[in-house]
Amino acid sequence: MALVAGASGLTGGALLRLLLHEKDFARVIAVSRRPLPVEHPRFANRILKFEDIEPGLKGLRATDAFCALGAAGGPRAAESALRAVDLSLVIAFARAAKAAGATRLVVVSAAGADRAAPSPFLRVKGEMEIALRGLGFAGLDLLQPGVVYGSRHGDGPAALLRQGLLAAASPLLRSSKNLSALSGAGVAAAMLSTARAQRPGARTFSGASLASAARAFSPAP
């Protein structure tokens, strides 16, 4: 069984669609604050408040957990929001997943994540990675994209134009580790690809290795 957090976002939504299209897992459970507009025989939606995530998932069983949680605004979010979501909530979800029996955790972090970084966003992501490494998962895949582009539900013309410019620029951005660009669907493909590989230990994917993981994904016909 797969346990997913962050399925209401760009990358998490793309991941959920992949998980339901593929046959890797007999059951897919998504955790969200609000109901997700998804219907599928293998899908279940657990509606929980942030503070209830650990007790709310008690009793579930899972093999793999996927986390694409992030504060609204990403790098532009206030540090308090980043600490609440990108750090505390991610760790709470990871603990709940481990208690549910998950042996692998796949998490979206960020290129340049470092607890000593001057940017609050990268600093919090760095702290998150360190905390997750200490939880003892048999397999931990940390994905570090730079720019993640793609259209979101409700995007207006300006947002769509911005996303189009990012998509057009992505070959240039890929040349730099910290500015590597990948679509939300590409990051989702990399998440499922790394989970399928079942590599032991903690591994980080960024730049070329992240793009390679996305390309390695082979969808079911």
C-alpha atoms as a PDB file:
ATOM      1  CA  MET A   1       0.000   0.000   0.000  1.00  0.00           C
ATOM      2  CA  ALA A   2       1.166   3.528  -0.798  1.00  0.00           C
ATOM      3  CA  LEU A   3       0.632   6.459   1.565  1.00  0.00           C
ATOM      4  CA  VAL A   4       0.725   9.930  -0.018  1.00  0.00           C
ATOM      5  CA  ALA A   5       0.891  13.441   1.452  1.00  0.00           C
ATOM      6  CA  GLY A   6       0.672  16.606  -0.633  1.00  0.00           C
ATOM      7  CA  ALA A   7      -1.604  15.241  -3.362  1.00  0.00           C
ATOM      8  CA  SER A   8      -3.461  18.556  -3.682  1.00  0.00           C
ATOM      9  CA  GLY A   9      -0.336  20.242  -5.081  1.00  0.00           C
ATOM     10  CA  LEU A  10       1.260  20.242  -8.519  1.00  0.00           C
ATOM     11  CA  THR A  11       3.767  17.419  -7.969  1.00  0.00           C
ATOM     12  CA  GLY A  12       1.674  15.445  -5.487  1.00  0.00           C
ATOM     13  CA  GLY A  13      -1.350  15.547  -7.789  1.00  0.00           C
ATOM     14  CA  ALA A  14       0.731  14.254 -10.686  1.00  0.00           C
ATOM     15  CA  LEU A  15       2.125  11.510  -8.446  1.00  0.00           C
ATOM     16  CA  LEU A  16      -1.364  10.449  -7.347  1.00  0.00           C
ATOM     17  CA  ARG A  17      -2.469  10.129 -10.974  1.00  0.00           C
ATOM     18  CA  LEU A  18       0.577   7.981 -11.714  1.00  0.00           C
ATOM     19  CA  LEU A  19       0.024   5.751  -8.704  1.00  0.00           C
ATOM     20  CA  LEU A  20      -3.588   5.147  -9.700  1.00  0.00           C
ATOM     21  CA  HIS A  21      -2.696   4.482 -13.333  1.00  0.00           C
ATOM     22  CA  GLU A  22       0.123   2.078 -12.511  1.00  0.00           C
ATOM     23  CA  LYS A  23      -0.329  -1.258 -10.734  1.00  0.00           C
ATOM     24  CA  ASP A  24       2.562  -0.971  -8.264  1.00  0.00           C
ATOM     25  CA  PHE A  25       0.259  -0.743  -5.251  1.00  0.00           C
ATOM     26  CA  ALA A  26      -3.003  -2.512  -4.453  1.00  0.00           C
ATOM     27  CA  ARG A  27      -4.164   0.503  -2.454  1.00  0.00           C
ATOM     28  CA  VAL A  28      -3.311   4.208  -2.483  1.00  0.00           C
ATOM     29  CA  ILE A  29      -4.237   6.370   0.495  1.00  0.00           C
ATOM     30  CA  ALA A  30      -3.859  10.133   0.259  1.00  0.00           C
ATOM     31  CA  VAL A  31      -3.788  12.340   3.336  1.00  0.00           C
ATOM     32  CA  SER A  32      -5.217  15.838   2.906  1.00  0.00           C
ATOM     33  CA  ARG A  33      -6.912  18.642   4.814  1.00  0.00           C
ATOM     34  CA  ARG A  34      -9.780  18.783   2.317  1.00  0.00           C
ATOM     35  CA  PRO A  35     -11.447  16.091   0.181  1.00  0.00           C
ATOM     36  CA  LEU A  36      -9.649  15.394  -3.090  1.00  0.00           C
ATOM     37  CA  PRO A  37     -11.822  15.235  -6.243  1.00  0.00           C
ATOM     38  CA  VAL A  38     -10.648  11.718  -7.109  1.00  0.00           C
ATOM     39  CA  GLU A  39     -12.591   8.511  -7.553  1.00  0.00           C
ATOM     40  CA  HIS A  40     -10.858   5.197  -8.140  1.00  0.00           C
ATOM     41  CA  PRO A  41     -11.424   1.669  -6.837  1.00  0.00           C
ATOM     42  CA  ARG A  42      -7.904   1.568  -5.357  1.00  0.00           C
ATOM     43  CA  PHE A  43      -8.057   5.054  -3.820  1.00  0.00           C
ATOM     44  CA  ALA A  44      -8.948   6.227  -0.323  1.00  0.00           C
ATOM     45  CA  ASN A  45      -8.774   9.775   1.033  1.00  0.00           C
ATOM     46  CA  ARG A  46      -8.036  10.340   4.728  1.00  0.00           C
ATOM     47  CA  ILE A  47      -9.120  13.881   5.699  1.00  0.00           C
ATOM     48  CA  LEU A  48      -7.052  15.149   8.628  1.00  0.00           C
ATOM     49  CA  LYS A  49      -6.010  18.382  10.277  1.00  0.00           C
ATOM     50  CA  PHE A  50      -2.264  18.963  10.348  1.00  0.00           C
ATOM     51  CA  GLU A  51      -2.063  18.429  14.088  1.00  0.00           C
ATOM     52  CA  ASP A  52      -3.958  15.123  13.813  1.00  0.00           C
ATOM     53  CA  ILE A  53      -1.812  13.456  11.189  1.00  0.00           C
ATOM     54  CA  GLU A  54       0.008  10.994  13.472  1.00  0.00           C
ATOM     55  CA  PRO A  55      -2.949   9.798  15.552  1.00  0.00           C
ATOM     56  CA  GLY A  56      -5.197   9.972  12.474  1.00  0.00           C
ATOM     57  CA  LEU A  57      -3.090   7.451  10.575  1.00  0.00           C
ATOM     58  CA  LYS A  58      -2.729   5.064  13.478  1.00  0.00           C
ATOM     59  CA  GLY A  59      -3.687   1.522  12.527  1.00  0.00           C
ATOM     60  CA  LEU A  60      -2.958   1.915   8.793  1.00  0.00           C
ATOM     61  CA  ARG A  61      -0.511  -0.397   7.054  1.00  0.00           C
ATOM     62  CA  ALA A  62       1.772   0.792   4.261  1.00  0.00           C
ATOM     63  CA  THR A  63       4.907  -0.322   2.437  1.00  0.00           C
ATOM     64  CA  ASP A  64       5.917   2.950   0.753  1.00  0.00           C
ATOM     65  CA  ALA A  65       5.269   6.586   1.640  1.00  0.00           C
ATOM     66  CA  PHE A  66       5.480   9.585  -0.682  1.00  0.00           C
ATOM     67  CA  CYS A  67       5.650  13.181   0.541  1.00  0.00           C
ATOM     68  CA  ALA A  68       5.256  16.283  -1.641  1.00  0.00           C
ATOM     69  CA  LEU A  69       4.174  18.655   1.123  1.00  0.00           C
ATOM     70  CA  GLY A  70       5.204  22.282   0.969  1.00  0.00           C
ATOM     71  CA  ALA A  71       4.047  25.633   2.328  1.00  0.00           C
ATOM     72  CA  ALA A  72       2.030  27.796  -0.064  1.00  0.00           C
ATOM     73  CA  GLY A  73       4.396  30.129  -1.867  1.00  0.00           C
ATOM     74  CA  GLY A  74       7.381  27.802  -1.646  1.00  0.00           C
ATOM     75  CA  PRO A  75      10.618  29.815  -1.422  1.00  0.00           C
ATOM     76  CA  ARG A  76       8.595  33.002  -0.892  1.00  0.00           C
ATOM     77  CA  ALA A  77       6.699  31.641   2.138  1.00  0.00           C
ATOM     78  CA  ALA A  78       7.317  33.037   5.612  1.00  0.00           C
ATOM     79  CA  GLU A  79       9.808  31.044   7.671  1.00  0.00           C
ATOM     80  CA  SER A  80       7.092  30.276  10.228  1.00  0.00           C
ATOM     81  CA  ALA A  81       4.971  28.654   7.510  1.00  0.00           C
ATOM     82  CA  LEU A  82       7.981  26.753   6.176  1.00  0.00           C
ATOM     83  CA  ARG A  83       8.767  25.404   9.624  1.00  0.00           C
ATOM     84  CA  ALA A  84       5.150  24.408  10.205  1.00  0.00           C
ATOM     85  CA  VAL A  85       4.701  22.578   6.895  1.00  0.00           C
ATOM     86  CA  ASP A  86       8.043  21.755   5.243  1.00  0.00           C
ATOM     87  CA  LEU A  87       9.602  20.689   8.544  1.00  0.00           C
ATOM     88  CA  SER A  88       7.137  19.786  11.297  1.00  0.00           C
ATOM     89  CA  LEU A  89       4.346  18.384   9.112  1.00  0.00           C
ATOM     90  CA  VAL A  90       6.720  16.433   6.878  1.00  0.00           C
ATOM     91  CA  ILE A  91       8.381  14.863   9.924  1.00  0.00           C
ATOM     92  CA  ALA A  92       4.982  14.052  11.474  1.00  0.00           C
ATOM     93  CA  PHE A  93       3.887  12.360   8.250  1.00  0.00           C
ATOM     94  CA  ALA A  94       7.151  10.429   8.059  1.00  0.00           C
ATOM     95  CA  ARG A  95       6.762   9.194  11.628  1.00  0.00           C
ATOM     96  CA  ALA A  96       3.180   8.132  10.943  1.00  0.00           C
ATOM     97  CA  ALA A  97       4.275   6.316   7.786  1.00  0.00           C
ATOM     98  CA  LYS A  98       7.013   4.475   9.655  1.00  0.00           C
ATOM     99  CA  ALA A  99       4.553   3.510  12.401  1.00  0.00           C
ATOM    100  CA  ALA A 100       2.330   2.134   9.619  1.00  0.00           C
ATOM    101  CA  GLY A 101       5.152  -0.161   8.549  1.00  0.00           C
ATOM    102  CA  ALA A 102       6.486   1.801   5.570  1.00  0.00           C
ATOM    103  CA  THR A 103      10.094   0.851   4.852  1.00  0.00           C
ATOM    104  CA  ARG A 104      10.631   3.431   2.097  1.00  0.00           C
ATOM    105  CA  LEU A 105      10.013   7.168   2.125  1.00  0.00           C
ATOM    106  CA  VAL A 106      10.279   9.331  -0.990  1.00  0.00           C
ATOM    107  CA  VAL A 107      10.305  13.082  -0.292  1.00  0.00           C
ATOM    108  CA  VAL A 108      10.440  16.220  -2.432  1.00  0.00           C
ATOM    109  CA  SER A 109      13.060  18.569  -0.978  1.00  0.00           C
ATOM    110  CA  ALA A 110      14.869  21.312  -2.924  1.00  0.00           C
ATOM    111  CA  ALA A 111      18.142  21.827  -4.780  1.00  0.00           C
ATOM    112  CA  GLY A 112      20.629  23.496  -2.457  1.00  0.00           C
ATOM    113  CA  ALA A 113      18.944  22.284   0.752  1.00  0.00           C
ATOM    114  CA  ASP A 114      21.345  22.987   3.615  1.00  0.00           C
ATOM    115  CA  ARG A 115      20.689  23.808   7.272  1.00  0.00           C
ATOM    116  CA  ALA A 116      23.424  26.463   7.025  1.00  0.00           C
ATOM    117  CA  ALA A 117      21.929  28.133   3.913  1.00  0.00           C
ATOM    118  CA  PRO A 118      21.141  31.864   4.129  1.00  0.00           C
ATOM    119  CA  SER A 119      17.722  31.286   2.568  1.00  0.00           C
ATOM    120  CA  PRO A 120      15.031  30.245   5.091  1.00  0.00           C
ATOM    121  CA  PHE A 121      13.510  27.944   2.452  1.00  0.00           C
ATOM    122  CA  LEU A 122      16.740  26.026   1.808  1.00  0.00           C
ATOM    123  CA  ARG A 123      17.675  26.096   5.481  1.00  0.00           C
ATOM    124  CA  VAL A 124      14.378  24.487   6.515  1.00  0.00           C
ATOM    125  CA  LYS A 125      14.659  21.911   3.737  1.00  0.00           C
ATOM    126  CA  GLY A 126      18.158  21.066   4.982  1.00  0.00           C
ATOM    127  CA  GLU A 127      16.896  20.615   8.531  1.00  0.00           C
ATOM    128  CA  MET A 128      14.079  18.439   7.211  1.00  0.00           C
ATOM    129  CA  GLU A 129      16.503  16.158   5.361  1.00  0.00           C
ATOM    130  CA  ILE A 130      18.660  15.696   8.464  1.00  0.00           C
ATOM    131  CA  ALA A 131      15.612  14.874  10.594  1.00  0.00           C
ATOM    132  CA  LEU A 132      14.317  12.349   8.046  1.00  0.00           C
ATOM    133  CA  ARG A 133      17.689  10.605   7.862  1.00  0.00           C
ATOM    134  CA  GLY A 134      17.446  10.025  11.593  1.00  0.00           C
ATOM    135  CA  LEU A 135      14.115   8.179  11.433  1.00  0.00           C
ATOM    136  CA  GLY A 136      15.657   4.900  10.307  1.00  0.00           C
ATOM    137  CA  PHE A 137      13.817   4.102   7.092  1.00  0.00           C
ATOM    138  CA  ALA A 138      15.365   1.176   5.217  1.00  0.00           C
ATOM    139  CA  GLY A 139      15.122   3.327   2.100  1.00  0.00           C
ATOM    140  CA  LEU A 140      14.985   7.133   1.958  1.00  0.00           C
ATOM    141  CA  ASP A 141      14.934   8.957  -1.383  1.00  0.00           C
ATOM    142  CA  LEU A 142      15.383  12.727  -1.180  1.00  0.00           C
ATOM    143  CA  LEU A 143      14.522  14.494  -4.438  1.00  0.00           C
ATOM    144  CA  GLN A 144      16.002  17.977  -4.870  1.00  0.00           C
ATOM    145  CA  PRO A 145      14.478  19.763  -7.870  1.00  0.00           C
ATOM    146  CA  GLY A 146      15.256  23.393  -8.586  1.00  0.00           C
ATOM    147  CA  VAL A 147      12.431  25.064 -10.507  1.00  0.00           C
ATOM    148  CA  VAL A 148       9.296  22.903 -10.678  1.00  0.00           C
ATOM    149  CA  TYR A 149       6.955  24.078 -13.418  1.00  0.00           C
ATOM    150  CA  GLY A 150       3.509  23.097 -14.660  1.00  0.00           C
ATOM    151  CA  SER A 151      -0.027  24.444 -14.728  1.00  0.00           C
ATOM    152  CA  ARG A 152      -2.166  24.255 -11.624  1.00  0.00           C
ATOM    153  CA  HIS A 153      -5.949  24.240 -11.429  1.00  0.00           C
ATOM    154  CA  GLY A 154      -7.164  27.833 -11.386  1.00  0.00           C
ATOM    155  CA  ASP A 155      -4.021  29.370 -12.880  1.00  0.00           C
ATOM    156  CA  GLY A 156      -4.689  32.657 -14.630  1.00  0.00           C
ATOM    157  CA  PRO A 157      -3.056  33.938 -17.856  1.00  0.00           C
ATOM    158  CA  ALA A 158      -0.080  35.505 -16.035  1.00  0.00           C
ATOM    159  CA  ALA A 159       0.661  32.298 -14.130  1.00  0.00           C
ATOM    160  CA  LEU A 160       0.359  30.205 -17.291  1.00  0.00           C
ATOM    161  CA  LEU A 161       2.739  32.553 -19.124  1.00  0.00           C
ATOM    162  CA  ARG A 162       5.257  32.313 -16.282  1.00  0.00           C
ATOM    163  CA  GLN A 163       5.060  28.519 -16.329  1.00  0.00           C
ATOM    164  CA  GLY A 164       5.510  28.515 -20.103  1.00  0.00           C
ATOM    165  CA  LEU A 165       8.654  30.632 -19.819  1.00  0.00           C
ATOM    166  CA  LEU A 166      10.054  28.267 -17.183  1.00  0.00           C
ATOM    167  CA  ALA A 167       9.322  25.273 -19.396  1.00  0.00           C
ATOM    168  CA  ALA A 168      11.028  26.943 -22.350  1.00  0.00           C
ATOM    169  CA  ALA A 169      14.063  27.789 -20.223  1.00  0.00           C
ATOM    170  CA  SER A 170      14.388  24.368 -18.596  1.00  0.00           C
ATOM    171  CA  PRO A 171      17.205  23.020 -20.837  1.00  0.00           C
ATOM    172  CA  LEU A 172      19.345  25.976 -19.764  1.00  0.00           C
ATOM    173  CA  LEU A 173      18.386  25.637 -16.116  1.00  0.00           C
ATOM    174  CA  ARG A 174      19.266  21.925 -16.066  1.00  0.00           C
ATOM    175  CA  SER A 175      22.907  22.836 -16.622  1.00  0.00           C
ATOM    176  CA  SER A 176      23.130  24.106 -13.060  1.00  0.00           C
ATOM    177  CA  LYS A 177      22.452  21.830 -10.095  1.00  0.00           C
ATOM    178  CA  ASN A 178      20.769  24.523  -8.041  1.00  0.00           C
ATOM    179  CA  LEU A 179      18.715  25.879 -10.954  1.00  0.00           C
ATOM    180  CA  SER A 180      17.695  22.569 -12.516  1.00  0.00           C
ATOM    181  CA  ALA A 181      14.125  22.656 -13.808  1.00  0.00           C
ATOM    182  CA  LEU A 182      11.682  19.800 -14.059  1.00  0.00           C
ATOM    183  CA  SER A 183       7.941  19.677 -14.551  1.00  0.00           C
ATOM    184  CA  GLY A 184       5.731  18.585 -11.677  1.00  0.00           C
ATOM    185  CA  ALA A 185       4.915  15.481 -13.702  1.00  0.00           C
ATOM    186  CA  GLY A 186       8.632  14.843 -14.163  1.00  0.00           C
ATOM    187  CA  VAL A 187       9.301  15.053 -10.420  1.00  0.00           C
ATOM    188  CA  ALA A 188       6.362  12.697  -9.826  1.00  0.00           C
ATOM    189  CA  ALA A 189       7.790  10.233 -12.343  1.00  0.00           C
ATOM    190  CA  ALA A 190      11.136  10.390 -10.543  1.00  0.00           C
ATOM    191  CA  MET A 191       9.415   9.708  -7.216  1.00  0.00           C
ATOM    192  CA  LEU A 192       7.804   6.514  -8.477  1.00  0.00           C
ATOM    193  CA  SER A 193      10.957   5.532 -10.366  1.00  0.00           C
ATOM    194  CA  THR A 194      13.147   5.745  -7.255  1.00  0.00           C
ATOM    195  CA  ALA A 195      10.570   3.819  -5.224  1.00  0.00           C
ATOM    196  CA  ARG A 196      10.516   1.057  -7.814  1.00  0.00           C
ATOM    197  CA  ALA A 197      14.311   0.777  -7.708  1.00  0.00           C
ATOM    198  CA  GLN A 198      14.150  -0.164  -3.996  1.00  0.00           C
ATOM    199  CA  ARG A 199      17.701   0.995  -3.285  1.00  0.00           C
ATOM    200  CA  PRO A 200      18.723   0.635   0.362  1.00  0.00           C
ATOM    201  CA  GLY A 201      19.855   3.529   2.523  1.00  0.00           C
ATOM    202  CA  ALA A 202      19.428   7.284   2.131  1.00  0.00           C
ATOM    203  CA  ARG A 203      19.984   8.698  -1.353  1.00  0.00           C
ATOM    204  CA  THR A 204      19.792  12.200  -2.789  1.00  0.00           C
ATOM    205  CA  PHE A 205      18.697  12.960  -6.346  1.00  0.00           C
ATOM    206  CA  SER A 206      19.357  16.375  -7.874  1.00  0.00           C
ATOM    207  CA  GLY A 207      20.316  17.863 -11.217  1.00  0.00           C
ATOM    208  CA  ALA A 208      21.342  15.138 -13.674  1.00  0.00           C
ATOM    209  CA  SER A 209      20.555  12.245 -11.317  1.00  0.00           C
ATOM    210  CA  LEU A 210      17.020  13.570 -10.750  1.00  0.00           C
ATOM    211  CA  ALA A 211      16.432  14.059 -14.476  1.00  0.00           C
ATOM    212  CA  SER A 212      17.759  10.550 -15.089  1.00  0.00           C
ATOM    213  CA  ALA A 213      15.356   9.108 -12.504  1.00  0.00           C
ATOM    214  CA  ALA A 214      12.462  10.864 -14.239  1.00  0.00           C
ATOM    215  CA  ARG A 215      13.518   9.509 -17.637  1.00  0.00           C
ATOM    216  CA  ALA A 216      13.890   5.998 -16.201  1.00  0.00           C
ATOM    217  CA  PHE A 217      10.192   5.854 -15.359  1.00  0.00           C
ATOM    218  CA  SER A 218       8.369   3.500 -17.691  1.00  0.00           C
ATOM    219  CA  PRO A 219       4.577   3.880 -17.540  1.00  0.00           C
ATOM    220  CA  ALA A 220       2.232   0.950 -17.936  1.00  0.00           C
ATOM    221  CA  PRO A 221       0.638   0.685 -21.409  1.00  0.00           C
END
